[in-house]
Each structure stands twice: as structure tokens, then as C-alpha cells.
Amino acid sequence: MLRQAKDALDELSADEVAGIQAEQQELAELSYELHLSAAKREGRVEGHAEGKADLLQRLLTLKFGQLTSEISARLANASEAQLGALVGTVAHRRHLGPRFLRIARRNA
């Protein structure tokens, strides 16, 4: 009878260990999926900002000719929201003078 009790206890212990291992595996998989999802979101945001910077640089170059390295650097370092604000000013610009640089500085 003691032998049966010990065997039953061993079996339960093995089931508990397997259960804990299964839970740990499931948590690891969920953690991986969360990190992957966050990385994808971050990549999309960066991609949108790079796309806006490229578009703005092309628009400015078409309208005003070669851009200064200062303006190009500010565009490259601006956030997506900052680039969006600058895009809205391009149509009304006659030149890229000090006022545009102030907008770029304030928004970059």
C-alpha cells in the first residue's frame, strides 16, 4: 500500500512539473509574440517617418532646387508629426528662407 501511495505521489509530481513547464513555455511564447508585435509597430512608425521625410525632401528639391545640408539633416531627424507639419507649409512657400528654417528648427 505504501508503494502504491509513493507511485501515485511520484506520478502527481511529474504531472505538476510537466504542467509548470507547459505554463512556462506558453508564457515564453506570449512574451515573444508581444515583443514581435511591438517591434513591428515600431518599424511601421519609423517607416512612415522615413517615407514622409523622403517625400518632403523630394517636394522641396523639385520646388526650390538642391537643399542645404542643414535642411536635409533637419528633415532626416524630424519625427513623423513634425514632418507632417512641415509638409503643410510647402505649398505656400516661395523660398526656403529663415522662416522655413525656424519652422524646421521648432519642429525638428
N, C-alpha and C. Protein backbone atom coordinates (compact mmCIF):
# COMPACT_ATOMS: atom_id res chain seq x y z
N MET A 1 0.81 -1.17 0.00
CA MET A 1 0.00 0.00 0.00
C MET A 1 0.87 1.27 0.00
N LEU A 2 1.93 1.30 0.78
CA LEU A 2 2.84 2.45 0.79
C LEU A 2 3.48 2.63 -0.58
N ARG A 3 3.78 1.54 -1.20
CA ARG A 3 4.39 1.59 -2.53
C ARG A 3 3.43 2.25 -3.53
N GLN A 4 2.17 1.90 -3.45
CA GLN A 4 1.16 2.47 -4.35
C GLN A 4 1.01 3.97 -4.09
N ALA A 5 1.02 4.35 -2.83
CA ALA A 5 0.90 5.77 -2.46
C ALA A 5 2.10 6.55 -2.99
N LYS A 6 3.31 5.97 -2.85
CA LYS A 6 4.52 6.63 -3.35
C LYS A 6 4.48 6.76 -4.86
N ASP A 7 4.04 5.71 -5.54
CA ASP A 7 3.94 5.76 -7.01
C ASP A 7 2.93 6.83 -7.45
N ALA A 8 1.81 6.90 -6.74
CA ALA A 8 0.78 7.89 -7.06
C ALA A 8 1.33 9.31 -6.83
N LEU A 9 2.07 9.49 -5.74
CA LEU A 9 2.68 10.79 -5.44
C LEU A 9 3.71 11.17 -6.50
N ASP A 10 4.52 10.21 -6.92
CA ASP A 10 5.51 10.46 -7.98
C ASP A 10 4.84 10.86 -9.29
N GLU A 11 3.74 10.19 -9.58
CA GLU A 11 3.00 10.48 -10.80
C GLU A 11 2.41 11.89 -10.76
N LEU A 12 1.84 12.26 -9.62
CA LEU A 12 1.30 13.61 -9.46
C LEU A 12 2.40 14.66 -9.57
N SER A 13 3.54 14.39 -8.97
CA SER A 13 4.65 15.33 -9.03
C SER A 13 5.12 15.51 -10.46
N ALA A 14 5.19 14.43 -11.20
CA ALA A 14 5.60 14.51 -12.61
C ALA A 14 4.59 15.34 -13.40
N ASP A 15 3.31 15.15 -13.13
CA ASP A 15 2.28 15.93 -13.81
C ASP A 15 2.38 17.41 -13.46
N GLU A 16 2.70 17.73 -12.20
CA GLU A 16 2.85 19.13 -11.79
C GLU A 16 4.03 19.77 -12.50
N VAL A 17 5.15 19.05 -12.56
CA VAL A 17 6.34 19.57 -13.23
C VAL A 17 6.04 19.81 -14.71
N ALA A 18 5.37 18.85 -15.33
CA ALA A 18 5.01 19.00 -16.75
C ALA A 18 4.07 20.18 -16.93
N GLY A 19 3.14 20.36 -16.01
CA GLY A 19 2.21 21.48 -16.08
C GLY A 19 2.93 22.82 -15.95
N ILE A 20 3.86 22.88 -15.02
CA ILE A 20 4.64 24.11 -14.83
C ILE A 20 5.48 24.40 -16.07
N GLN A 21 6.09 23.36 -16.61
CA GLN A 21 6.90 23.54 -17.83
C GLN A 21 6.04 24.01 -19.00
N ALA A 22 4.84 23.46 -19.11
CA ALA A 22 3.93 23.87 -20.19
C ALA A 22 3.53 25.34 -20.01
N GLU A 23 3.25 25.74 -18.77
CA GLU A 23 2.90 27.14 -18.50
C GLU A 23 4.06 28.06 -18.85
N GLN A 24 5.26 27.66 -18.46
CA GLN A 24 6.44 28.47 -18.75
C GLN A 24 6.65 28.61 -20.25
N GLN A 25 6.44 27.53 -20.98
CA GLN A 25 6.56 27.56 -22.43
C GLN A 25 5.52 28.50 -23.04
N GLU A 26 4.30 28.42 -22.56
CA GLU A 26 3.23 29.27 -23.06
C GLU A 26 3.53 30.74 -22.77
N LEU A 27 4.03 31.04 -21.56
CA LEU A 27 4.39 32.42 -21.22
C LEU A 27 5.54 32.93 -22.10
N ALA A 28 6.51 32.06 -22.37
CA ALA A 28 7.63 32.46 -23.24
C ALA A 28 7.13 32.77 -24.65
N GLU A 29 6.21 31.96 -25.16
CA GLU A 29 5.65 32.19 -26.49
C GLU A 29 4.85 33.50 -26.53
N LEU A 30 4.06 33.76 -25.49
CA LEU A 30 3.30 35.01 -25.44
C LEU A 30 4.23 36.22 -25.37
N SER A 31 5.28 36.09 -24.58
CA SER A 31 6.26 37.18 -24.46
C SER A 31 6.91 37.46 -25.81
N TYR A 32 7.28 36.41 -26.51
CA TYR A 32 7.90 36.55 -27.83
C TYR A 32 6.94 37.25 -28.79
N GLU A 33 5.68 36.82 -28.79
CA GLU A 33 4.68 37.43 -29.68
C GLU A 33 4.48 38.91 -29.36
N LEU A 34 4.46 39.26 -28.07
CA LEU A 34 4.31 40.66 -27.69
C LEU A 34 5.49 41.50 -28.16
N HIS A 35 6.70 40.97 -27.97
CA HIS A 35 7.90 41.70 -28.40
C HIS A 35 7.91 41.84 -29.92
N LEU A 36 7.53 40.81 -30.62
CA LEU A 36 7.48 40.85 -32.08
C LEU A 36 6.46 41.88 -32.56
N SER A 37 5.30 41.89 -31.94
CA SER A 37 4.25 42.84 -32.30
C SER A 37 4.72 44.28 -32.06
N ALA A 38 5.36 44.52 -30.93
CA ALA A 38 5.87 45.87 -30.62
C ALA A 38 6.93 46.28 -31.63
N ALA A 39 7.80 45.36 -32.00
CA ALA A 39 8.85 45.67 -32.97
C ALA A 39 8.25 46.00 -34.33
N LYS A 40 7.21 45.28 -34.71
CA LYS A 40 6.54 45.55 -35.99
C LYS A 40 5.91 46.94 -35.97
N ARG A 41 5.23 47.28 -34.86
CA ARG A 41 4.62 48.62 -34.76
C ARG A 41 5.68 49.70 -34.85
N GLU A 42 6.78 49.50 -34.14
CA GLU A 42 7.86 50.49 -34.15
C GLU A 42 8.44 50.63 -35.55
N GLY A 43 8.58 49.51 -36.24
CA GLY A 43 9.09 49.54 -37.61
C GLY A 43 8.16 50.29 -38.55
N ARG A 44 6.86 50.11 -38.37
CA ARG A 44 5.90 50.83 -39.21
C ARG A 44 5.98 52.33 -38.97
N VAL A 45 6.09 52.73 -37.71
CA VAL A 45 6.18 54.17 -37.38
C VAL A 45 7.44 54.75 -38.00
N GLU A 46 8.56 54.05 -37.86
CA GLU A 46 9.81 54.54 -38.45
C GLU A 46 9.70 54.60 -39.97
N GLY A 47 9.06 53.61 -40.55
CA GLY A 47 8.89 53.59 -42.00
C GLY A 47 8.03 54.75 -42.48
N HIS A 48 6.98 55.08 -41.73
CA HIS A 48 6.13 56.22 -42.10
C HIS A 48 6.93 57.51 -42.03
N ALA A 49 7.71 57.68 -40.99
CA ALA A 49 8.51 58.91 -40.84
C ALA A 49 9.54 59.01 -41.96
N GLU A 50 10.20 57.90 -42.27
CA GLU A 50 11.19 57.92 -43.36
C GLU A 50 10.53 58.25 -44.68
N GLY A 51 9.34 57.70 -44.90
CA GLY A 51 8.62 57.98 -46.13
C GLY A 51 8.23 59.45 -46.24
N LYS A 52 7.76 60.02 -45.13
CA LYS A 52 7.40 61.44 -45.13
C LYS A 52 8.63 62.31 -45.35
N ALA A 53 9.73 61.96 -44.71
CA ALA A 53 10.96 62.74 -44.88
C ALA A 53 11.41 62.69 -46.33
N ASP A 54 11.35 61.52 -46.95
CA ASP A 54 11.74 61.37 -48.35
C ASP A 54 10.82 62.19 -49.25
N LEU A 55 9.52 62.10 -49.01
CA LEU A 55 8.55 62.85 -49.81
C LEU A 55 8.79 64.35 -49.67
N LEU A 56 8.96 64.82 -48.46
CA LEU A 56 9.17 66.24 -48.23
C LEU A 56 10.47 66.71 -48.89
N GLN A 57 11.52 65.91 -48.77
CA GLN A 57 12.79 66.26 -49.39
C GLN A 57 12.62 66.36 -50.92
N ARG A 58 11.90 65.43 -51.50
CA ARG A 58 11.69 65.44 -52.95
C ARG A 58 10.85 66.65 -53.38
N LEU A 59 9.79 66.93 -52.61
CA LEU A 59 8.96 68.10 -52.93
C LEU A 59 9.76 69.40 -52.86
N LEU A 60 10.52 69.54 -51.79
CA LEU A 60 11.32 70.75 -51.63
C LEU A 60 12.37 70.88 -52.73
N THR A 61 12.99 69.77 -53.09
CA THR A 61 14.00 69.79 -54.14
C THR A 61 13.37 70.16 -55.49
N LEU A 62 12.21 69.60 -55.79
CA LEU A 62 11.52 69.94 -57.04
C LEU A 62 11.13 71.42 -57.07
N LYS A 63 10.70 71.93 -55.95
CA LYS A 63 10.21 73.32 -55.91
C LYS A 63 11.34 74.34 -55.81
N PHE A 64 12.40 74.02 -55.04
CA PHE A 64 13.42 75.02 -54.75
C PHE A 64 14.82 74.65 -55.23
N GLY A 65 14.99 73.46 -55.76
CA GLY A 65 16.33 73.03 -56.17
C GLY A 65 17.06 72.35 -55.02
N GLN A 66 18.35 72.18 -55.20
CA GLN A 66 19.18 71.47 -54.21
C GLN A 66 19.02 72.06 -52.80
N LEU A 67 18.79 71.20 -51.83
CA LEU A 67 18.62 71.63 -50.44
C LEU A 67 19.96 71.75 -49.74
N THR A 68 20.02 72.64 -48.77
CA THR A 68 21.25 72.75 -47.98
C THR A 68 21.38 71.52 -47.09
N SER A 69 22.58 71.25 -46.66
CA SER A 69 22.81 70.10 -45.77
C SER A 69 22.09 70.30 -44.44
N GLU A 70 21.92 71.55 -44.01
CA GLU A 70 21.22 71.83 -42.76
C GLU A 70 19.75 71.42 -42.86
N ILE A 71 19.11 71.79 -43.96
CA ILE A 71 17.70 71.43 -44.13
C ILE A 71 17.56 69.91 -44.27
N SER A 72 18.44 69.30 -45.05
CA SER A 72 18.39 67.84 -45.22
C SER A 72 18.56 67.13 -43.88
N ALA A 73 19.47 67.61 -43.06
CA ALA A 73 19.70 66.99 -41.75
C ALA A 73 18.49 67.16 -40.85
N ARG A 74 17.88 68.33 -40.87
CA ARG A 74 16.69 68.54 -40.04
C ARG A 74 15.54 67.64 -40.47
N LEU A 75 15.38 67.47 -41.76
CA LEU A 75 14.33 66.58 -42.25
C LEU A 75 14.61 65.13 -41.83
N ALA A 76 15.85 64.72 -41.93
CA ALA A 76 16.21 63.34 -41.58
C ALA A 76 15.99 63.05 -40.10
N ASN A 77 16.09 64.06 -39.25
CA ASN A 77 15.98 63.86 -37.81
C ASN A 77 14.61 64.21 -37.23
N ALA A 78 13.69 64.66 -38.08
CA ALA A 78 12.37 65.08 -37.60
C ALA A 78 11.47 63.87 -37.36
N SER A 79 10.54 64.02 -36.44
CA SER A 79 9.55 62.96 -36.18
C SER A 79 8.48 62.98 -37.26
N GLU A 80 7.65 61.95 -37.27
CA GLU A 80 6.58 61.88 -38.27
C GLU A 80 5.63 63.07 -38.13
N ALA A 81 5.27 63.43 -36.91
CA ALA A 81 4.37 64.57 -36.68
C ALA A 81 5.02 65.88 -37.13
N GLN A 82 6.29 66.04 -36.84
CA GLN A 82 7.00 67.26 -37.24
C GLN A 82 7.06 67.36 -38.77
N LEU A 83 7.30 66.23 -39.42
CA LEU A 83 7.35 66.22 -40.89
C LEU A 83 5.98 66.57 -41.47
N GLY A 84 4.93 66.05 -40.85
CA GLY A 84 3.58 66.35 -41.29
C GLY A 84 3.29 67.84 -41.22
N ALA A 85 3.74 68.49 -40.15
CA ALA A 85 3.54 69.94 -40.02
C ALA A 85 4.31 70.70 -41.10
N LEU A 86 5.50 70.23 -41.42
CA LEU A 86 6.29 70.89 -42.46
C LEU A 86 5.69 70.70 -43.85
N VAL A 87 5.14 69.52 -44.11
CA VAL A 87 4.53 69.24 -45.41
C VAL A 87 3.42 70.26 -45.68
N GLY A 88 2.69 70.61 -44.65
CA GLY A 88 1.61 71.57 -44.80
C GLY A 88 2.07 72.96 -45.19
N THR A 89 3.31 73.29 -45.00
CA THR A 89 3.81 74.64 -45.31
C THR A 89 4.42 74.73 -46.70
N VAL A 90 4.72 73.60 -47.34
CA VAL A 90 5.45 73.61 -48.61
C VAL A 90 4.69 74.33 -49.72
N ALA A 91 3.41 74.10 -49.85
CA ALA A 91 2.63 74.68 -50.96
C ALA A 91 2.64 76.20 -50.92
N HIS A 92 2.75 76.78 -49.74
CA HIS A 92 2.66 78.24 -49.60
C HIS A 92 4.01 78.93 -49.65
N ARG A 93 5.06 78.19 -49.70
CA ARG A 93 6.41 78.76 -49.67
C ARG A 93 6.83 79.28 -51.03
N ARG A 94 7.47 80.45 -51.00
CA ARG A 94 8.07 81.00 -52.23
C ARG A 94 9.57 80.73 -52.23
N HIS A 95 10.14 80.56 -51.04
CA HIS A 95 11.57 80.25 -50.92
C HIS A 95 11.80 79.58 -49.56
N LEU A 96 12.98 79.03 -49.41
CA LEU A 96 13.33 78.36 -48.15
C LEU A 96 14.23 79.27 -47.33
N GLY A 97 13.71 80.37 -46.96
CA GLY A 97 14.48 81.35 -46.20
C GLY A 97 14.46 81.07 -44.72
N PRO A 98 14.79 82.09 -43.94
CA PRO A 98 14.90 81.95 -42.48
C PRO A 98 13.61 81.48 -41.81
N ARG A 99 12.47 81.89 -42.34
CA ARG A 99 11.20 81.47 -41.73
C ARG A 99 11.03 79.96 -41.80
N PHE A 100 11.34 79.35 -42.94
CA PHE A 100 11.24 77.90 -43.04
C PHE A 100 12.22 77.24 -42.08
N LEU A 101 13.42 77.79 -41.97
CA LEU A 101 14.41 77.22 -41.06
C LEU A 101 13.94 77.30 -39.62
N ARG A 102 13.23 78.40 -39.26
CA ARG A 102 12.69 78.50 -37.90
C ARG A 102 11.64 77.43 -37.70
N ILE A 103 10.78 77.22 -38.70
CA ILE A 103 9.76 76.16 -38.60
C ILE A 103 10.44 74.80 -38.48
N ALA A 104 11.47 74.58 -39.28
CA ALA A 104 12.18 73.31 -39.24
C ALA A 104 12.86 73.12 -37.88
N ARG A 105 13.45 74.19 -37.34
CA ARG A 105 14.10 74.07 -36.03
C ARG A 105 13.08 73.78 -34.93
N ARG A 106 11.97 74.52 -34.98
CA ARG A 106 10.94 74.37 -33.96
C ARG A 106 10.33 72.96 -34.03
N ASN A 107 10.15 72.43 -35.23
CA ASN A 107 9.51 71.14 -35.42
C ASN A 107 10.48 69.98 -35.43
N ALA A 108 11.75 70.22 -35.60
CA ALA A 108 12.72 69.12 -35.70
C ALA A 108 13.24 68.71 -34.35
